[in-house]
Amino acid sequence: MDNATKQQAQEAVTELELRFIEAVEHGRLRAGLTYEQLGSFVGMSKSQISKRQDGLIKYTLREMYYIGQLLGVDPLVMAAGLGTWLTRVQPEEVRHRLDSLDTAGSHKERNRTVSE
């Protein structure tokens, strides 16, 4: 791959990541979630979520999946940018998913238990 092609690929990935970050922020606000609540569902601290939202750390595919699961939206749709999917985010359903997590633990804790 030549340098120009590599540069274009990096810019495309960056653009995709920026759209996902923007989508997470809008979805989070629509659902009435704090960074703490979002982090608890994914298995991260508020600081870890904040660093990802600031673009300092990239979201993993697993984290993107969990965020999409929480908001009830396919993460690929979120990464495509803002759109009508945002109006389908139902705060009551998101709260229900968070409440069910309180009894089961975070995704990170459940994954650790399953793999041990």
N, C-alpha and C. Protein backbone atom coordinates (compact mmCIF):
# COMPACT_ATOMS: atom_id res chain seq x y z
N MET A 1 0.85 -1.17 0.00
CA MET A 1 0.00 0.00 0.00
C MET A 1 0.90 1.24 0.00
N ASP A 2 0.65 2.15 -0.92
CA ASP A 2 1.48 3.35 -0.96
C ASP A 2 1.05 4.35 0.10
N ASN A 3 1.86 5.39 0.31
CA ASN A 3 1.60 6.35 1.39
C ASN A 3 0.27 7.08 1.23
N ALA A 4 -0.08 7.44 0.02
CA ALA A 4 -1.35 8.16 -0.21
C ALA A 4 -2.53 7.27 0.16
N THR A 5 -2.47 6.00 -0.19
CA THR A 5 -3.54 5.06 0.14
C THR A 5 -3.63 4.85 1.65
N LYS A 6 -2.48 4.73 2.31
CA LYS A 6 -2.47 4.59 3.77
C LYS A 6 -3.09 5.81 4.44
N GLN A 7 -2.73 6.99 3.95
CA GLN A 7 -3.27 8.24 4.51
C GLN A 7 -4.78 8.29 4.35
N GLN A 8 -5.28 7.89 3.18
CA GLN A 8 -6.73 7.88 2.94
C GLN A 8 -7.42 6.88 3.87
N ALA A 9 -6.81 5.72 4.07
CA ALA A 9 -7.39 4.72 4.96
C ALA A 9 -7.45 5.23 6.39
N GLN A 10 -6.37 5.89 6.85
CA GLN A 10 -6.36 6.44 8.21
C GLN A 10 -7.42 7.52 8.37
N GLU A 11 -7.58 8.37 7.38
CA GLU A 11 -8.58 9.42 7.45
C GLU A 11 -9.99 8.83 7.47
N ALA A 12 -10.22 7.78 6.69
CA ALA A 12 -11.53 7.13 6.66
C ALA A 12 -11.86 6.52 8.01
N VAL A 13 -10.91 5.84 8.61
CA VAL A 13 -11.13 5.24 9.92
C VAL A 13 -11.40 6.34 10.94
N THR A 14 -10.63 7.39 10.88
CA THR A 14 -10.81 8.51 11.81
C THR A 14 -12.21 9.11 11.64
N GLU A 15 -12.65 9.28 10.41
CA GLU A 15 -13.98 9.83 10.15
C GLU A 15 -15.06 8.90 10.72
N LEU A 16 -14.88 7.61 10.53
CA LEU A 16 -15.82 6.63 11.06
C LEU A 16 -15.87 6.69 12.59
N GLU A 17 -14.69 6.76 13.19
CA GLU A 17 -14.62 6.84 14.65
C GLU A 17 -15.27 8.12 15.16
N LEU A 18 -15.04 9.22 14.48
CA LEU A 18 -15.64 10.49 14.90
C LEU A 18 -17.15 10.45 14.80
N ARG A 19 -17.66 9.81 13.76
CA ARG A 19 -19.13 9.69 13.64
C ARG A 19 -19.69 8.82 14.76
N PHE A 20 -18.97 7.75 15.11
CA PHE A 20 -19.45 6.90 16.20
C PHE A 20 -19.43 7.67 17.53
N ILE A 21 -18.36 8.41 17.78
CA ILE A 21 -18.27 9.22 19.01
C ILE A 21 -19.43 10.21 19.08
N GLU A 22 -19.70 10.87 17.97
CA GLU A 22 -20.81 11.82 17.92
C GLU A 22 -22.14 11.11 18.16
N ALA A 23 -22.30 9.93 17.57
CA ALA A 23 -23.53 9.17 17.74
C ALA A 23 -23.72 8.74 19.19
N VAL A 24 -22.63 8.31 19.83
CA VAL A 24 -22.70 7.91 21.24
C VAL A 24 -23.16 9.10 22.08
N GLU A 25 -22.58 10.24 21.83
CA GLU A 25 -22.93 11.43 22.62
C GLU A 25 -24.40 11.79 22.45
N HIS A 26 -24.87 11.82 21.21
CA HIS A 26 -26.28 12.16 20.97
C HIS A 26 -27.21 11.09 21.53
N GLY A 27 -26.86 9.82 21.35
CA GLY A 27 -27.69 8.74 21.90
C GLY A 27 -27.72 8.77 23.41
N ARG A 28 -26.57 9.03 24.01
CA ARG A 28 -26.48 9.12 25.48
C ARG A 28 -27.37 10.24 26.00
N LEU A 29 -27.28 11.39 25.37
CA LEU A 29 -28.10 12.53 25.80
C LEU A 29 -29.59 12.26 25.58
N ARG A 30 -29.92 11.66 24.46
CA ARG A 30 -31.33 11.34 24.18
C ARG A 30 -31.88 10.38 25.24
N ALA A 31 -31.05 9.43 25.67
CA ALA A 31 -31.48 8.45 26.67
C ALA A 31 -31.38 9.01 28.09
N GLY A 32 -30.77 10.18 28.27
CA GLY A 32 -30.64 10.76 29.60
C GLY A 32 -29.59 10.07 30.45
N LEU A 33 -28.54 9.55 29.81
CA LEU A 33 -27.50 8.82 30.54
C LEU A 33 -26.31 9.70 30.88
N THR A 34 -25.69 9.38 31.98
CA THR A 34 -24.42 10.01 32.35
C THR A 34 -23.28 9.13 31.83
N TYR A 35 -22.08 9.66 31.84
CA TYR A 35 -20.91 8.85 31.48
C TYR A 35 -20.76 7.66 32.45
N GLU A 36 -21.08 7.89 33.71
CA GLU A 36 -21.00 6.80 34.70
C GLU A 36 -21.94 5.65 34.33
N GLN A 37 -23.16 5.99 33.96
CA GLN A 37 -24.14 4.96 33.61
C GLN A 37 -23.72 4.21 32.34
N LEU A 38 -23.28 4.95 31.36
CA LEU A 38 -22.81 4.34 30.13
C LEU A 38 -21.63 3.41 30.43
N GLY A 39 -20.70 3.91 31.22
CA GLY A 39 -19.53 3.12 31.60
C GLY A 39 -19.89 1.87 32.37
N SER A 40 -20.87 1.96 33.27
CA SER A 40 -21.24 0.79 34.06
C SER A 40 -21.78 -0.32 33.18
N PHE A 41 -22.50 0.04 32.13
CA PHE A 41 -23.05 -0.97 31.22
C PHE A 41 -21.94 -1.64 30.43
N VAL A 42 -20.97 -0.87 30.02
CA VAL A 42 -19.87 -1.38 29.19
C VAL A 42 -18.78 -2.03 30.05
N GLY A 43 -18.72 -1.65 31.32
CA GLY A 43 -17.69 -2.18 32.21
C GLY A 43 -16.48 -1.28 32.30
N MET A 44 -16.73 0.04 32.25
CA MET A 44 -15.65 1.03 32.30
C MET A 44 -15.99 2.13 33.30
N SER A 45 -14.98 2.88 33.64
CA SER A 45 -15.18 4.04 34.52
C SER A 45 -15.62 5.24 33.69
N LYS A 46 -16.08 6.26 34.39
CA LYS A 46 -16.44 7.52 33.74
C LYS A 46 -15.23 8.08 32.98
N SER A 47 -14.07 7.99 33.58
CA SER A 47 -12.84 8.49 32.97
C SER A 47 -12.52 7.76 31.67
N GLN A 48 -12.70 6.45 31.66
CA GLN A 48 -12.43 5.67 30.45
C GLN A 48 -13.39 6.05 29.32
N ILE A 49 -14.66 6.24 29.66
CA ILE A 49 -15.65 6.68 28.66
C ILE A 49 -15.28 8.06 28.15
N SER A 50 -14.93 8.96 29.06
CA SER A 50 -14.58 10.32 28.70
C SER A 50 -13.40 10.36 27.73
N LYS A 51 -12.39 9.53 27.98
CA LYS A 51 -11.22 9.49 27.09
C LYS A 51 -11.61 9.00 25.70
N ARG A 52 -12.53 8.06 25.64
CA ARG A 52 -12.99 7.59 24.33
C ARG A 52 -13.82 8.66 23.63
N GLN A 53 -14.66 9.33 24.38
CA GLN A 53 -15.48 10.39 23.79
C GLN A 53 -14.64 11.60 23.35
N ASP A 54 -13.50 11.79 23.98
CA ASP A 54 -12.59 12.86 23.57
C ASP A 54 -11.67 12.42 22.43
N GLY A 55 -11.75 11.15 22.04
CA GLY A 55 -10.94 10.64 20.95
C GLY A 55 -9.52 10.27 21.34
N LEU A 56 -9.25 10.22 22.65
CA LEU A 56 -7.90 9.89 23.11
C LEU A 56 -7.64 8.39 23.05
N ILE A 57 -8.69 7.60 23.20
CA ILE A 57 -8.62 6.14 23.13
C ILE A 57 -9.73 5.70 22.17
N LYS A 58 -9.42 4.70 21.36
CA LYS A 58 -10.43 4.20 20.42
C LYS A 58 -11.35 3.20 21.08
N TYR A 59 -12.62 3.23 20.70
CA TYR A 59 -13.56 2.21 21.14
C TYR A 59 -13.18 0.89 20.50
N THR A 60 -13.32 -0.20 21.26
CA THR A 60 -13.14 -1.53 20.68
C THR A 60 -14.46 -1.96 20.05
N LEU A 61 -14.41 -2.98 19.22
CA LEU A 61 -15.64 -3.49 18.63
C LEU A 61 -16.60 -4.00 19.69
N ARG A 62 -16.06 -4.62 20.72
CA ARG A 62 -16.91 -5.12 21.81
C ARG A 62 -17.61 -3.96 22.52
N GLU A 63 -16.89 -2.88 22.78
CA GLU A 63 -17.49 -1.72 23.44
C GLU A 63 -18.56 -1.10 22.56
N MET A 64 -18.29 -1.04 21.26
CA MET A 64 -19.28 -0.50 20.32
C MET A 64 -20.54 -1.37 20.33
N TYR A 65 -20.34 -2.67 20.39
CA TYR A 65 -21.47 -3.60 20.43
C TYR A 65 -22.31 -3.35 21.69
N TYR A 66 -21.66 -3.24 22.85
CA TYR A 66 -22.39 -3.04 24.10
C TYR A 66 -23.14 -1.70 24.12
N ILE A 67 -22.52 -0.67 23.58
CA ILE A 67 -23.19 0.63 23.54
C ILE A 67 -24.42 0.55 22.64
N GLY A 68 -24.26 -0.10 21.48
CA GLY A 68 -25.40 -0.29 20.59
C GLY A 68 -26.50 -1.09 21.26
N GLN A 69 -26.10 -2.12 22.01
CA GLN A 69 -27.06 -2.95 22.74
C GLN A 69 -27.82 -2.11 23.77
N LEU A 70 -27.11 -1.28 24.49
CA LEU A 70 -27.75 -0.43 25.50
C LEU A 70 -28.75 0.53 24.87
N LEU A 71 -28.36 1.16 23.78
CA LEU A 71 -29.23 2.14 23.14
C LEU A 71 -30.28 1.51 22.23
N GLY A 72 -30.12 0.21 21.94
CA GLY A 72 -31.08 -0.46 21.08
C GLY A 72 -30.87 -0.14 19.61
N VAL A 73 -29.61 0.14 19.23
CA VAL A 73 -29.29 0.52 17.86
C VAL A 73 -28.05 -0.25 17.43
N ASP A 74 -28.07 -0.73 16.19
CA ASP A 74 -26.90 -1.41 15.64
C ASP A 74 -25.73 -0.43 15.61
N PRO A 75 -24.58 -0.80 16.16
CA PRO A 75 -23.44 0.12 16.18
C PRO A 75 -22.96 0.51 14.78
N LEU A 76 -23.20 -0.33 13.78
CA LEU A 76 -22.83 0.04 12.41
C LEU A 76 -23.71 1.18 11.90
N VAL A 77 -24.96 1.16 12.31
CA VAL A 77 -25.87 2.26 11.96
C VAL A 77 -25.41 3.53 12.66
N MET A 78 -25.00 3.39 13.91
CA MET A 78 -24.51 4.56 14.66
C MET A 78 -23.26 5.13 13.99
N ALA A 79 -22.36 4.25 13.55
CA ALA A 79 -21.10 4.70 12.95
C ALA A 79 -21.33 5.37 11.60
N ALA A 80 -22.47 5.11 10.98
CA ALA A 80 -22.78 5.75 9.71
C ALA A 80 -23.14 7.23 9.90
N GLY A 81 -23.40 7.62 11.13
CA GLY A 81 -23.70 9.01 11.43
C GLY A 81 -25.09 9.20 12.00
N LEU A 82 -25.39 10.43 12.33
CA LEU A 82 -26.69 10.75 12.91
C LEU A 82 -27.77 10.57 11.87
N GLY A 83 -28.93 10.19 12.32
CA GLY A 83 -30.05 9.97 11.41
C GLY A 83 -31.30 9.66 12.19
N THR A 84 -32.25 9.05 11.51
CA THR A 84 -33.54 8.77 12.14
C THR A 84 -33.44 7.77 13.27
N TRP A 85 -32.36 6.99 13.30
CA TRP A 85 -32.20 6.01 14.39
C TRP A 85 -32.23 6.69 15.76
N LEU A 86 -31.79 7.93 15.81
CA LEU A 86 -31.72 8.64 17.08
C LEU A 86 -33.10 8.80 17.71
N THR A 87 -34.12 8.98 16.89
CA THR A 87 -35.48 9.14 17.43
C THR A 87 -36.03 7.81 17.95
N ARG A 88 -35.40 6.70 17.56
CA ARG A 88 -35.85 5.39 18.03
C ARG A 88 -35.23 5.00 19.38
N VAL A 89 -34.31 5.80 19.87
CA VAL A 89 -33.72 5.54 21.19
C VAL A 89 -34.79 5.88 22.22
N GLN A 90 -35.22 4.89 22.97
CA GLN A 90 -36.28 5.06 23.96
C GLN A 90 -35.69 5.09 25.36
N PRO A 91 -35.69 6.26 26.01
CA PRO A 91 -35.09 6.37 27.35
C PRO A 91 -35.60 5.33 28.34
N GLU A 92 -36.90 5.01 28.30
CA GLU A 92 -37.45 4.04 29.25
C GLU A 92 -36.84 2.65 29.02
N GLU A 93 -36.66 2.27 27.76
CA GLU A 93 -36.07 0.97 27.46
C GLU A 93 -34.60 0.93 27.86
N VAL A 94 -33.91 2.04 27.65
CA VAL A 94 -32.50 2.12 28.04
C VAL A 94 -32.39 1.97 29.56
N ARG A 95 -33.26 2.65 30.29
CA ARG A 95 -33.26 2.55 31.76
C ARG A 95 -33.52 1.10 32.20
N HIS A 96 -34.44 0.44 31.50
CA HIS A 96 -34.74 -0.96 31.82
C HIS A 96 -33.49 -1.83 31.62
N ARG A 97 -32.76 -1.59 30.54
CA ARG A 97 -31.53 -2.36 30.30
C ARG A 97 -30.51 -2.09 31.39
N LEU A 98 -30.40 -0.84 31.82
CA LEU A 98 -29.48 -0.51 32.91
C LEU A 98 -29.91 -1.18 34.21
N ASP A 99 -31.21 -1.15 34.49
CA ASP A 99 -31.71 -1.78 35.72
C ASP A 99 -31.45 -3.28 35.72
N SER A 100 -31.62 -3.93 34.57
CA SER A 100 -31.36 -5.37 34.51
C SER A 100 -29.88 -5.66 34.68
N LEU A 101 -29.03 -4.72 34.30
CA LEU A 101 -27.60 -4.89 34.48
C LEU A 101 -27.23 -4.85 35.95
N ASP A 102 -27.94 -4.03 36.73
CA ASP A 102 -27.65 -3.92 38.16
C ASP A 102 -27.73 -5.26 38.87
N THR A 103 -28.60 -6.13 38.40
CA THR A 103 -28.72 -7.44 39.03
C THR A 103 -27.72 -8.45 38.47
N ALA A 104 -27.20 -8.19 37.26
CA ALA A 104 -26.32 -9.16 36.62
C ALA A 104 -24.85 -8.75 36.62
N GLY A 105 -24.54 -7.51 36.92
CA GLY A 105 -23.16 -7.02 36.85
C GLY A 105 -22.84 -6.49 35.47
N SER A 106 -21.70 -5.84 35.32
CA SER A 106 -21.33 -5.25 34.03
C SER A 106 -20.98 -6.34 33.03
N HIS A 107 -20.95 -5.98 31.76
CA HIS A 107 -20.56 -6.92 30.72
C HIS A 107 -19.15 -7.44 30.96
N LYS A 108 -18.28 -6.59 31.39
CA LYS A 108 -16.90 -7.00 31.65
C LYS A 108 -16.86 -8.06 32.74
N GLU A 109 -17.64 -7.86 33.81
CA GLU A 109 -17.68 -8.84 34.90
C GLU A 109 -18.26 -10.16 34.43
N ARG A 110 -19.33 -10.10 33.63
CA ARG A 110 -19.95 -11.32 33.13
C ARG A 110 -18.99 -12.06 32.20
N ASN A 111 -18.29 -11.33 31.33
CA ASN A 111 -17.33 -11.97 30.42
C ASN A 111 -16.21 -12.63 31.18
N ARG A 112 -15.72 -11.99 32.22
CA ARG A 112 -14.65 -12.54 33.03
C ARG A 112 -15.10 -13.82 33.70
N THR A 113 -16.33 -13.84 34.23
CA THR A 113 -16.86 -15.01 34.89
C THR A 113 -17.00 -16.17 33.92
N VAL A 114 -17.48 -15.89 32.73
CA VAL A 114 -17.68 -16.93 31.73
C VAL A 114 -16.35 -17.53 31.30
N SER A 115 -15.32 -16.68 31.17
CA SER A 115 -14.03 -17.17 30.67
C SER A 115 -13.19 -17.86 31.74
N GLU A 116 -13.54 -17.72 33.00
CA GLU A 116 -12.74 -18.33 34.08
C GLU A 116 -13.11 -19.77 34.34
